[in-house]
N, C-alpha and C. Protein backbone atom coordinates (compact mmCIF):
# COMPACT_ATOMS: atom_id res chain seq x y z
N UNK A 1 0.78 -1.18 0.00
CA UNK A 1 0.00 0.00 0.00
C UNK A 1 0.84 1.26 0.00
N UNK A 2 1.96 1.16 0.55
CA UNK A 2 2.84 2.32 0.56
C UNK A 2 3.26 2.70 -0.85
N UNK A 3 3.45 1.75 -1.70
CA UNK A 3 3.84 2.07 -3.07
C UNK A 3 2.67 2.76 -3.76
N UNK A 4 1.50 2.26 -3.50
CA UNK A 4 0.30 2.85 -4.10
C UNK A 4 0.10 4.27 -3.59
N UNK A 5 0.32 4.42 -2.30
CA UNK A 5 0.15 5.74 -1.71
C UNK A 5 1.19 6.73 -2.23
N UNK A 6 2.41 6.27 -2.37
CA UNK A 6 3.46 7.17 -2.87
C UNK A 6 3.21 7.50 -4.33
N UNK A 7 2.77 6.55 -5.11
CA UNK A 7 2.48 6.80 -6.52
C UNK A 7 1.29 7.72 -6.63
N UNK A 8 0.30 7.49 -5.81
CA UNK A 8 -0.88 8.32 -5.83
C UNK A 8 -0.53 9.73 -5.37
N UNK A 9 0.28 9.84 -4.35
CA UNK A 9 0.69 11.15 -3.86
C UNK A 9 1.48 11.89 -4.95
N UNK A 10 2.36 11.14 -5.61
CA UNK A 10 3.17 11.76 -6.66
C UNK A 10 2.26 12.22 -7.81
N UNK A 11 1.28 11.41 -8.18
CA UNK A 11 0.33 11.77 -9.23
C UNK A 11 -0.48 13.01 -8.83
N UNK A 12 -0.91 12.99 -7.56
CA UNK A 12 -1.69 14.13 -7.06
C UNK A 12 -0.82 15.39 -7.05
N UNK A 13 0.42 15.27 -6.62
CA UNK A 13 1.34 16.42 -6.57
C UNK A 13 1.64 16.91 -7.98
N UNK A 14 1.84 15.98 -8.91
CA UNK A 14 2.09 16.39 -10.30
C UNK A 14 0.85 17.08 -10.87
N UNK A 15 -0.32 16.55 -10.50
CA UNK A 15 -1.56 17.15 -10.97
C UNK A 15 -1.69 18.58 -10.42
N UNK A 16 -1.37 18.75 -9.14
CA UNK A 16 -1.42 20.09 -8.55
C UNK A 16 -0.34 21.00 -9.13
N UNK A 17 0.84 20.44 -9.38
CA UNK A 17 1.92 21.24 -9.99
C UNK A 17 1.51 21.71 -11.39
N UNK A 18 0.87 20.84 -12.14
CA UNK A 18 0.42 21.21 -13.48
C UNK A 18 -0.67 22.27 -13.38
N UNK A 19 -1.59 22.10 -12.47
CA UNK A 19 -2.65 23.09 -12.30
C UNK A 19 -2.07 24.43 -11.84
N UNK A 20 -1.09 24.38 -10.92
CA UNK A 20 -0.44 25.59 -10.44
C UNK A 20 0.33 26.27 -11.57
N UNK A 21 1.02 25.48 -12.37
CA UNK A 21 1.76 26.05 -13.50
C UNK A 21 0.80 26.67 -14.51
N UNK A 22 -0.32 25.98 -14.77
CA UNK A 22 -1.31 26.50 -15.70
C UNK A 22 -1.91 27.80 -15.15
N UNK A 23 -2.20 27.85 -13.87
CA UNK A 23 -2.73 29.04 -13.23
C UNK A 23 -1.72 30.20 -13.31
N UNK A 24 -0.46 29.90 -13.03
CA UNK A 24 0.58 30.92 -13.10
C UNK A 24 0.74 31.43 -14.53
N UNK A 25 0.69 30.51 -15.50
CA UNK A 25 0.78 30.90 -16.90
C UNK A 25 -0.40 31.79 -17.29
N UNK A 26 -1.60 31.45 -16.81
CA UNK A 26 -2.78 32.26 -17.09
C UNK A 26 -2.64 33.67 -16.51
N UNK A 27 -2.10 33.76 -15.31
CA UNK A 27 -1.89 35.07 -14.68
C UNK A 27 -0.87 35.88 -15.48
N UNK A 28 0.24 35.24 -15.84
CA UNK A 28 1.27 35.93 -16.63
C UNK A 28 0.69 36.37 -17.97
N UNK A 29 -0.08 35.49 -18.59
CA UNK A 29 -0.68 35.82 -19.88
C UNK A 29 -1.65 37.00 -19.74
N UNK A 30 -2.44 37.02 -18.68
CA UNK A 30 -3.38 38.11 -18.44
C UNK A 30 -2.62 39.42 -18.21
N UNK A 31 -1.57 39.36 -17.41
CA UNK A 31 -0.77 40.56 -17.14
C UNK A 31 -0.15 41.07 -18.44
N UNK A 32 0.38 40.18 -19.27
CA UNK A 32 0.98 40.59 -20.53
C UNK A 32 -0.08 41.21 -21.45
N UNK A 33 -1.24 40.61 -21.53
CA UNK A 33 -2.31 41.14 -22.38
C UNK A 33 -2.78 42.51 -21.89
N UNK A 34 -2.92 42.67 -20.58
CA UNK A 34 -3.29 43.97 -20.02
C UNK A 34 -2.20 44.99 -20.34
N UNK A 35 -0.94 44.59 -20.19
CA UNK A 35 0.18 45.48 -20.51
C UNK A 35 0.16 45.90 -21.98
N UNK A 36 -0.07 44.95 -22.87
CA UNK A 36 -0.14 45.26 -24.30
C UNK A 36 -1.32 46.18 -24.57
N UNK A 37 -2.45 45.91 -23.93
CA UNK A 37 -3.62 46.76 -24.14
C UNK A 37 -3.34 48.19 -23.69
N UNK A 38 -2.71 48.35 -22.53
CA UNK A 38 -2.37 49.68 -22.02
C UNK A 38 -1.38 50.36 -22.98
N UNK A 39 -0.39 49.61 -23.47
CA UNK A 39 0.59 50.17 -24.41
C UNK A 39 -0.10 50.65 -25.69
N UNK A 40 -0.98 49.82 -26.25
CA UNK A 40 -1.70 50.19 -27.47
C UNK A 40 -2.56 51.42 -27.21
N UNK A 41 -3.25 51.47 -26.08
CA UNK A 41 -4.08 52.62 -25.75
C UNK A 41 -3.24 53.89 -25.65
N UNK A 42 -2.08 53.79 -24.96
CA UNK A 42 -1.21 54.95 -24.82
C UNK A 42 -0.68 55.41 -26.18
N UNK A 43 -0.27 54.46 -27.02
CA UNK A 43 0.26 54.81 -28.34
C UNK A 43 -0.83 55.43 -29.22
N UNK A 44 -2.05 54.94 -29.12
CA UNK A 44 -3.16 55.51 -29.89
C UNK A 44 -3.42 56.93 -29.45
N UNK A 45 -3.45 57.16 -28.15
CA UNK A 45 -3.65 58.53 -27.63
C UNK A 45 -2.50 59.43 -28.05
N UNK A 46 -1.28 58.90 -27.98
CA UNK A 46 -0.11 59.68 -28.37
C UNK A 46 -0.20 60.04 -29.85
N UNK A 47 -0.60 59.09 -30.67
CA UNK A 47 -0.73 59.35 -32.11
C UNK A 47 -1.83 60.38 -32.36
N UNK A 48 -2.95 60.25 -31.65
CA UNK A 48 -4.04 61.22 -31.81
C UNK A 48 -3.57 62.61 -31.38
N UNK A 49 -2.85 62.68 -30.27
CA UNK A 49 -2.33 63.97 -29.81
C UNK A 49 -1.33 64.54 -30.81
N UNK A 50 -0.47 63.67 -31.34
CA UNK A 50 0.51 64.12 -32.33
C UNK A 50 -0.19 64.66 -33.56
N UNK A 51 -1.25 63.98 -33.98
CA UNK A 51 -2.01 64.44 -35.15
C UNK A 51 -2.65 65.79 -34.87
N UNK A 52 -3.24 65.95 -33.69
CA UNK A 52 -3.84 67.23 -33.33
C UNK A 52 -2.79 68.33 -33.29
N UNK A 53 -1.66 68.03 -32.71
CA UNK A 53 -0.58 69.03 -32.62
C UNK A 53 -0.12 69.41 -34.03
N UNK A 54 0.05 68.42 -34.91
CA UNK A 54 0.46 68.70 -36.29
C UNK A 54 -0.58 69.57 -37.00
N UNK A 55 -1.87 69.27 -36.78
CA UNK A 55 -2.93 70.07 -37.39
C UNK A 55 -2.90 71.50 -36.86
N UNK A 56 -2.70 71.65 -35.56
CA UNK A 56 -2.62 72.99 -34.97
C UNK A 56 -1.41 73.75 -35.52
N UNK A 57 -0.27 73.06 -35.64
CA UNK A 57 0.92 73.70 -36.19
C UNK A 57 0.69 74.12 -37.63
N UNK A 58 0.03 73.28 -38.39
CA UNK A 58 -0.26 73.60 -39.80
C UNK A 58 -1.16 74.82 -39.90
N UNK A 59 -2.24 74.83 -39.09
CA UNK A 59 -3.13 75.99 -39.09
C UNK A 59 -2.40 77.25 -38.63
N UNK A 60 -1.58 77.09 -37.61
CA UNK A 60 -0.81 78.21 -37.08
C UNK A 60 0.13 78.76 -38.16
N UNK A 61 0.81 77.86 -38.86
CA UNK A 61 1.72 78.30 -39.92
C UNK A 61 0.98 79.02 -41.04
N UNK A 62 -0.18 78.50 -41.43
CA UNK A 62 -0.94 79.16 -42.51
C UNK A 62 -1.45 80.53 -42.05
N UNK A 63 -1.88 80.63 -40.79
CA UNK A 63 -2.32 81.93 -40.28
C UNK A 63 -1.16 82.92 -40.21
N UNK A 64 0.00 82.45 -39.81
CA UNK A 64 1.18 83.33 -39.75
C UNK A 64 1.56 83.77 -41.16
N UNK A 65 1.49 82.85 -42.14
CA UNK A 65 1.78 83.23 -43.52
C UNK A 65 0.80 84.28 -44.02
N UNK A 66 -0.48 84.11 -43.69
CA UNK A 66 -1.50 85.08 -44.09
C UNK A 66 -1.23 86.44 -43.44
N UNK A 67 -0.90 86.42 -42.14
CA UNK A 67 -0.61 87.67 -41.45
C UNK A 67 0.65 88.33 -42.00
N UNK A 68 1.63 87.52 -42.37
CA UNK A 68 2.86 88.06 -42.95
C UNK A 68 2.55 88.74 -44.28
N UNK A 69 1.70 88.10 -45.09
CA UNK A 69 1.31 88.69 -46.37
C UNK A 69 0.56 90.01 -46.15
N UNK A 70 -0.36 90.00 -45.20
CA UNK A 70 -1.11 91.22 -44.91
C UNK A 70 -0.19 92.33 -44.40
N UNK A 71 0.75 91.97 -43.53
CA UNK A 71 1.68 92.96 -43.00
C UNK A 71 2.55 93.53 -44.11
N UNK A 72 3.01 92.68 -45.00
CA UNK A 72 3.81 93.15 -46.13
C UNK A 72 3.01 94.12 -46.99
N UNK A 73 1.75 93.79 -47.22
CA UNK A 73 0.88 94.68 -48.00
C UNK A 73 0.71 96.02 -47.31
N UNK A 74 0.47 95.99 -46.01
CA UNK A 74 0.31 97.24 -45.25
C UNK A 74 1.61 98.05 -45.27
N UNK A 75 2.74 97.39 -45.10
CA UNK A 75 4.02 98.10 -45.12
C UNK A 75 4.26 98.74 -46.48
N UNK A 76 3.91 98.03 -47.55
CA UNK A 76 4.07 98.57 -48.90
C UNK A 76 3.20 99.81 -49.08
N UNK A 77 1.96 99.75 -48.61
CA UNK A 77 1.08 100.90 -48.71
C UNK A 77 1.59 102.07 -47.87
N UNK A 78 2.12 101.76 -46.69
CA UNK A 78 2.65 102.82 -45.83
C UNK A 78 3.88 103.47 -46.45
N UNK A 79 4.71 102.67 -47.12
CA UNK A 79 5.89 103.24 -47.77
C UNK A 79 5.49 104.19 -48.90
N UNK A 80 4.37 103.90 -49.57
CA UNK A 80 3.92 104.74 -50.67
C UNK A 80 3.21 106.00 -50.18
N UNK A 81 2.76 106.01 -48.96
CA UNK A 81 2.05 107.18 -48.42
C UNK A 81 3.04 108.29 -48.09
N UNK A 82 2.59 109.55 -48.25
CA UNK A 82 3.49 110.65 -47.92
C UNK A 82 3.70 110.76 -46.41
N UNK A 83 4.90 111.19 -46.06
CA UNK A 83 5.18 111.39 -44.63
C UNK A 83 4.80 112.81 -44.23
N UNK A 84 5.07 113.20 -43.02
CA UNK A 84 4.68 114.52 -42.52
C UNK A 84 5.37 115.63 -43.29
N UNK A 85 6.63 115.45 -43.61
CA UNK A 85 7.37 116.48 -44.34
C UNK A 85 6.77 116.67 -45.74
N UNK A 86 6.43 115.56 -46.40
CA UNK A 86 5.80 115.66 -47.73
C UNK A 86 4.45 116.35 -47.64
N UNK A 87 3.69 116.04 -46.59
CA UNK A 87 2.39 116.68 -46.40
C UNK A 87 2.56 118.18 -46.17
N UNK A 88 3.56 118.57 -45.39
CA UNK A 88 3.82 120.00 -45.15
C UNK A 88 4.20 120.70 -46.45
N UNK A 89 5.05 120.08 -47.25
CA UNK A 89 5.45 120.65 -48.54
C UNK A 89 4.24 120.79 -49.45
N UNK A 90 3.40 119.77 -49.48
CA UNK A 90 2.19 119.80 -50.30
C UNK A 90 1.24 120.91 -49.83
N UNK A 91 1.11 121.05 -48.53
CA UNK A 91 0.25 122.09 -47.97
C UNK A 91 0.76 123.48 -48.35
N UNK A 92 2.06 123.69 -48.29
CA UNK A 92 2.65 124.99 -48.67
C UNK A 92 2.41 125.27 -50.15
N UNK A 93 2.56 124.24 -50.99
CA UNK A 93 2.34 124.43 -52.42
C UNK A 93 0.88 124.75 -52.71
N UNK A 94 -0.03 124.09 -52.03
CA UNK A 94 -1.45 124.37 -52.22
C UNK A 94 -1.77 125.79 -51.76
N UNK A 95 -1.20 126.21 -50.63
CA UNK A 95 -1.40 127.59 -50.16
C UNK A 95 -0.86 128.60 -51.17
N UNK A 96 0.30 128.31 -51.72
CA UNK A 96 0.90 129.18 -52.73
C UNK A 96 0.00 129.27 -53.97
N UNK A 97 -0.50 128.13 -54.41
CA UNK A 97 -1.40 128.12 -55.57
C UNK A 97 -2.68 128.88 -55.26
N UNK A 98 -3.18 128.72 -54.03
CA UNK A 98 -4.39 129.44 -53.63
C UNK A 98 -4.16 130.94 -53.66
N UNK A 99 -3.01 131.41 -53.17
CA UNK A 99 -2.70 132.84 -53.21
C UNK A 99 -2.60 133.34 -54.65
N UNK A 100 -1.95 132.55 -55.49
CA UNK A 100 -1.83 132.91 -56.90
C UNK A 100 -3.21 132.99 -57.55
N UNK A 101 -4.07 132.03 -57.23
CA UNK A 101 -5.43 132.01 -57.77
C UNK A 101 -6.22 133.25 -57.31
N UNK A 102 -6.08 133.62 -56.03
CA UNK A 102 -6.75 134.82 -55.52
C UNK A 102 -6.23 136.07 -56.22
N UNK A 103 -4.94 136.12 -56.49
CA UNK A 103 -4.34 137.25 -57.18
C UNK A 103 -4.91 137.35 -58.60
N UNK A 104 -4.95 136.19 -59.29
CA UNK A 104 -5.50 136.17 -60.66
C UNK A 104 -6.98 136.56 -60.64
N UNK A 105 -7.70 136.08 -59.62
CA UNK A 105 -9.12 136.42 -59.48
C UNK A 105 -9.30 137.93 -59.33
N UNK A 106 -8.44 138.54 -58.50
CA UNK A 106 -8.51 140.00 -58.32
C UNK A 106 -8.20 140.74 -59.61
N UNK A 107 -7.19 140.27 -60.34
CA UNK A 107 -6.83 140.92 -61.60
C UNK A 107 -7.95 140.77 -62.61
N UNK A 108 -8.56 139.58 -62.67
CA UNK A 108 -9.66 139.37 -63.61
C UNK A 108 -10.85 140.25 -63.24
N UNK A 109 -11.09 140.46 -61.95
CA UNK A 109 -12.18 141.33 -61.52
C UNK A 109 -11.89 142.76 -61.96
N UNK A 110 -10.62 143.13 -61.81
CA UNK A 110 -10.22 144.48 -62.27
C UNK A 110 -10.41 144.62 -63.77
N UNK A 111 -10.02 143.61 -64.53
CA UNK A 111 -10.19 143.65 -65.98
C UNK A 111 -11.67 143.71 -66.33
N UNK A 112 -12.48 142.94 -65.63
CA UNK A 112 -13.93 142.94 -65.88
C UNK A 112 -14.52 144.31 -65.56
N UNK A 113 -14.06 144.93 -64.47
CA UNK A 113 -14.55 146.27 -64.12
C UNK A 113 -14.13 147.29 -65.19
N UNK A 114 -12.88 147.20 -65.65
CA UNK A 114 -12.41 148.09 -66.70
C UNK A 114 -13.21 147.89 -67.98
N UNK A 115 -13.46 146.65 -68.33
CA UNK A 115 -14.25 146.37 -69.52
C UNK A 115 -15.67 146.92 -69.37
N UNK A 116 -16.23 146.79 -68.18
CA UNK A 116 -17.57 147.32 -67.94
C UNK A 116 -17.58 148.84 -68.08
N UNK A 117 -16.53 149.53 -67.56
CA UNK A 117 -16.45 150.98 -67.67
C UNK A 117 -16.27 151.41 -69.13
N UNK A 118 -15.43 150.69 -69.85
CA UNK A 118 -15.20 151.01 -71.26
C UNK A 118 -16.51 150.82 -72.04
N UNK A 119 -17.19 149.73 -71.77
CA UNK A 119 -18.45 149.44 -72.45
C UNK A 119 -19.48 150.51 -72.12
N UNK A 120 -19.52 150.91 -70.88
CA UNK A 120 -20.48 151.93 -70.45
C UNK A 120 -20.17 153.26 -71.14
N UNK A 121 -18.91 153.62 -71.22
CA UNK A 121 -18.50 154.88 -71.85
C UNK A 121 -18.81 154.83 -73.34
N UNK A 122 -18.58 153.65 -73.95
CA UNK A 122 -18.86 153.53 -75.37
C UNK A 122 -20.37 153.60 -75.65
N UNK A 123 -21.13 153.07 -74.75
CA UNK A 123 -22.57 153.10 -74.93
C UNK A 123 -23.15 154.52 -74.72
N UNK A 124 -22.54 155.30 -73.86
CA UNK A 124 -23.00 156.65 -73.59
C UNK A 124 -22.63 157.57 -74.76
N UNK A 125 -21.63 157.31 -75.41
CA UNK A 125 -21.21 158.18 -76.52
C UNK A 125 -21.92 157.82 -77.74
């Protein structure tokens, strides 16, 4: 009976060792699968974030290019506009022309008055 008991004990122990090994393998497999799932989830989020960041950078770059174009256009227009000194010179020239025009207006009025007097004298005679 001792041989039977030892063989039976050995069979029972081997059976428990196999079950324990299978259980340990299942735990390791579950841990590895959870680890892979977490890794995939993190990489997916990282990829999504990278894509969003790339999209934001692209939009940012296009907006900066548009603003640069607009700024260049404004600078070009400002360069073509007269400065204060040019405006002062233009104002002086306009004032000078205005004075000349008033002088010519006065002379023409005098000529018109003379013509009216000559016409009146000619009509009276």
